[in-house]
Amino acid sequence: MEITDSSRVAILEKFLELGRSRDMAALEAMITEDIRIQQAPSLPFGGVYVGWAGYLDVTEQLFGRMRKVHLELIETWDGPQRSLIAHFMLNAVSKRTQEDISMPLLEKWEFKDEKVAAITPFYYDTHLLSKQL
C-alpha cells in the first residue's frame, strides 16, 4: 500500500507524540518488525540497530544519557517513494557533563505499509555528542 506525503507526516508526528508520552505498546505497533536505525559510526553508539529491541537500545543509548530533552520538529520534506526528511532542533542537557546540547538534526524516515521501516539520523555535530555523552 502506497501512503501519501501528508500521511507520512502524520505518522511521524504520531510517532513523536507516542515517544514523548512513553506509550511503548502503541509505539511498537507503529514500526515494522525489522525496523533499521543506522547511527553514525563516529558516535559511541554508532552502528545499525534492528527491530524493536534495537530501537529500545539505540533510544536508551542516546536519550538515556540526556535530560531535559526537547526534540522540536521544524519542517519536513517529501523524499522519493516511501521516505521523508525531517528537520529537528535537538535541545538537551548531558547527564555526564551537565552541559547543554543544542544542534540541528536531520533524519531520513522510511515507511512500509503505514509503519516506520527505517530511520537514519544526520547530526550536525557528532563530535559534540560524543564528547557530551
Protein backbone atom coordinates (compact mmCIF):
# COMPACT_ATOMS: atom_id res chain seq x y z
CA MET A 1 0.00 0.00 0.00
CA GLU A 2 1.45 3.37 -1.03
CA ILE A 3 0.99 6.12 1.51
CA THR A 4 0.63 9.78 0.64
CA ASP A 5 3.06 12.52 1.62
CA SER A 6 0.63 14.01 4.15
CA SER A 7 0.05 10.65 5.80
CA ARG A 8 3.83 10.19 6.19
CA VAL A 9 3.99 13.45 8.13
CA ALA A 10 1.01 12.35 10.24
CA ILE A 11 2.75 9.05 11.02
CA LEU A 12 5.93 10.91 12.02
CA GLU A 13 4.00 13.32 14.24
CA LYS A 14 2.09 10.47 15.91
CA PHE A 15 5.34 8.58 16.46
CA LEU A 16 6.90 11.63 18.16
CA GLU A 17 3.80 12.12 20.31
CA LEU A 18 3.85 8.50 21.46
CA GLY A 19 7.57 8.73 22.19
CA ARG A 20 7.01 11.79 24.39
CA SER A 21 4.15 10.10 26.23
CA ARG A 22 6.16 6.85 26.57
CA ASP A 23 3.28 4.76 25.19
CA MET A 24 5.60 1.92 24.29
CA ALA A 25 2.95 -0.56 23.14
CA ALA A 26 1.47 1.93 20.68
CA LEU A 27 4.94 2.98 19.56
CA GLU A 28 5.94 -0.63 18.87
CA ALA A 29 2.77 -1.08 16.81
CA MET A 30 3.90 1.80 14.55
CA ILE A 31 7.16 0.16 13.43
CA THR A 32 7.95 -2.77 11.18
CA GLU A 33 9.38 -5.88 12.84
CA ASP A 34 12.68 -5.29 11.05
CA ILE A 35 12.99 -1.52 11.52
CA ARG A 36 16.58 -0.37 10.95
CA ILE A 37 18.15 2.60 12.69
CA GLN A 38 21.61 3.46 11.45
CA GLN A 39 23.68 5.71 13.70
CA ALA A 40 26.88 7.45 12.57
CA PRO A 41 29.95 5.25 13.15
CA SER A 42 31.74 8.19 14.82
CA LEU A 43 29.29 8.10 17.75
CA PRO A 44 29.97 5.96 20.84
CA PHE A 45 26.81 4.02 19.98
CA GLY A 46 27.34 4.04 16.20
CA GLY A 47 26.09 1.16 14.10
CA VAL A 48 22.88 -0.43 12.88
CA TYR A 49 20.06 -1.31 15.27
CA VAL A 50 17.33 -3.69 14.10
CA GLY A 51 13.83 -4.45 15.35
CA TRP A 52 12.02 -3.33 18.48
CA ALA A 53 14.92 -4.39 20.74
CA GLY A 54 17.31 -2.38 18.57
CA TYR A 55 15.02 0.64 18.70
CA LEU A 56 14.88 0.46 22.50
CA ASP A 57 18.66 0.01 22.72
CA VAL A 58 19.57 2.97 20.50
CA THR A 59 16.96 5.18 22.16
CA GLU A 60 18.45 4.40 25.56
CA GLN A 61 22.00 4.89 24.22
CA LEU A 62 21.10 8.41 23.10
CA PHE A 63 18.26 9.80 25.18
CA GLY A 64 19.16 7.82 28.30
CA ARG A 65 22.33 9.93 28.51
CA MET A 66 20.40 13.19 28.39
CA ARG A 67 17.88 15.03 30.49
CA LYS A 68 15.52 17.88 29.65
CA VAL A 69 15.31 16.51 26.12
CA HIS A 70 13.29 18.63 23.72
CA LEU A 71 13.14 17.47 20.12
CA GLU A 72 11.34 20.11 18.07
CA LEU A 73 10.14 19.24 14.57
CA ILE A 74 10.95 22.27 12.41
CA GLU A 75 9.92 21.09 8.94
CA THR A 76 9.70 18.09 6.65
CA TRP A 77 10.49 17.40 3.02
CA ASP A 78 8.98 14.66 0.94
CA GLY A 79 11.51 12.07 -0.05
CA PRO A 80 11.38 9.73 -3.01
CA GLN A 81 8.95 6.84 -2.91
CA ARG A 82 8.23 5.96 0.71
CA SER A 83 10.50 8.36 2.58
CA LEU A 84 10.50 11.70 4.34
CA ILE A 85 13.26 14.02 5.57
CA ALA A 86 12.58 15.62 8.95
CA HIS A 87 14.46 18.65 10.26
CA PHE A 88 14.58 18.84 14.07
CA MET A 89 16.20 21.04 16.67
CA LEU A 90 17.63 18.91 19.47
CA ASN A 91 17.98 20.58 22.86
CA ALA A 92 19.01 18.66 25.96
CA VAL A 93 21.41 18.54 28.88
CA SER A 94 24.15 15.92 29.11
CA LYS A 95 23.75 13.77 32.22
CA ARG A 96 27.51 13.17 32.28
CA THR A 97 28.83 16.75 31.88
CA GLN A 98 25.70 18.76 32.81
CA GLU A 99 26.36 20.90 29.72
CA ASP A 100 23.73 21.98 27.21
CA ILE A 101 23.43 20.18 23.91
CA SER A 102 21.78 22.15 21.14
CA MET A 103 22.01 21.29 17.46
CA PRO A 104 20.07 20.79 14.25
CA LEU A 105 19.30 17.21 13.33
CA LEU A 106 18.07 15.76 10.05
CA GLU A 107 16.54 12.30 9.83
CA LYS A 108 15.57 10.23 6.83
CA TRP A 109 12.42 8.26 7.68
CA GLU A 110 11.34 5.35 5.51
CA PHE A 111 7.89 3.78 5.61
CA LYS A 112 6.28 0.49 4.64
CA ASP A 113 2.55 -0.15 4.84
CA GLU A 114 1.95 2.92 7.06
CA LYS A 115 4.66 1.85 9.52
CA VAL A 116 8.13 3.22 10.19
CA ALA A 117 10.65 0.90 8.50
CA ALA A 118 13.94 2.82 8.91
CA ILE A 119 15.38 5.95 10.50
CA THR A 120 18.78 7.37 9.57
CA PRO A 121 19.81 10.41 11.65
CA PHE A 122 22.33 13.01 10.49
CA TYR A 123 23.55 15.03 13.49
CA TYR A 124 25.00 18.47 12.90
CA ASP A 125 27.84 17.80 15.33
CA THR A 126 28.67 14.17 16.12
CA HIS A 127 31.86 15.35 17.84
CA LEU A 128 29.80 17.34 20.37
CA LEU A 129 27.52 14.37 21.03
CA SER A 130 30.49 12.03 21.50
CA LYS A 131 32.09 14.49 23.91
CA GLN A 132 28.91 15.11 25.94
CA LEU A 133 27.54 11.59 26.08
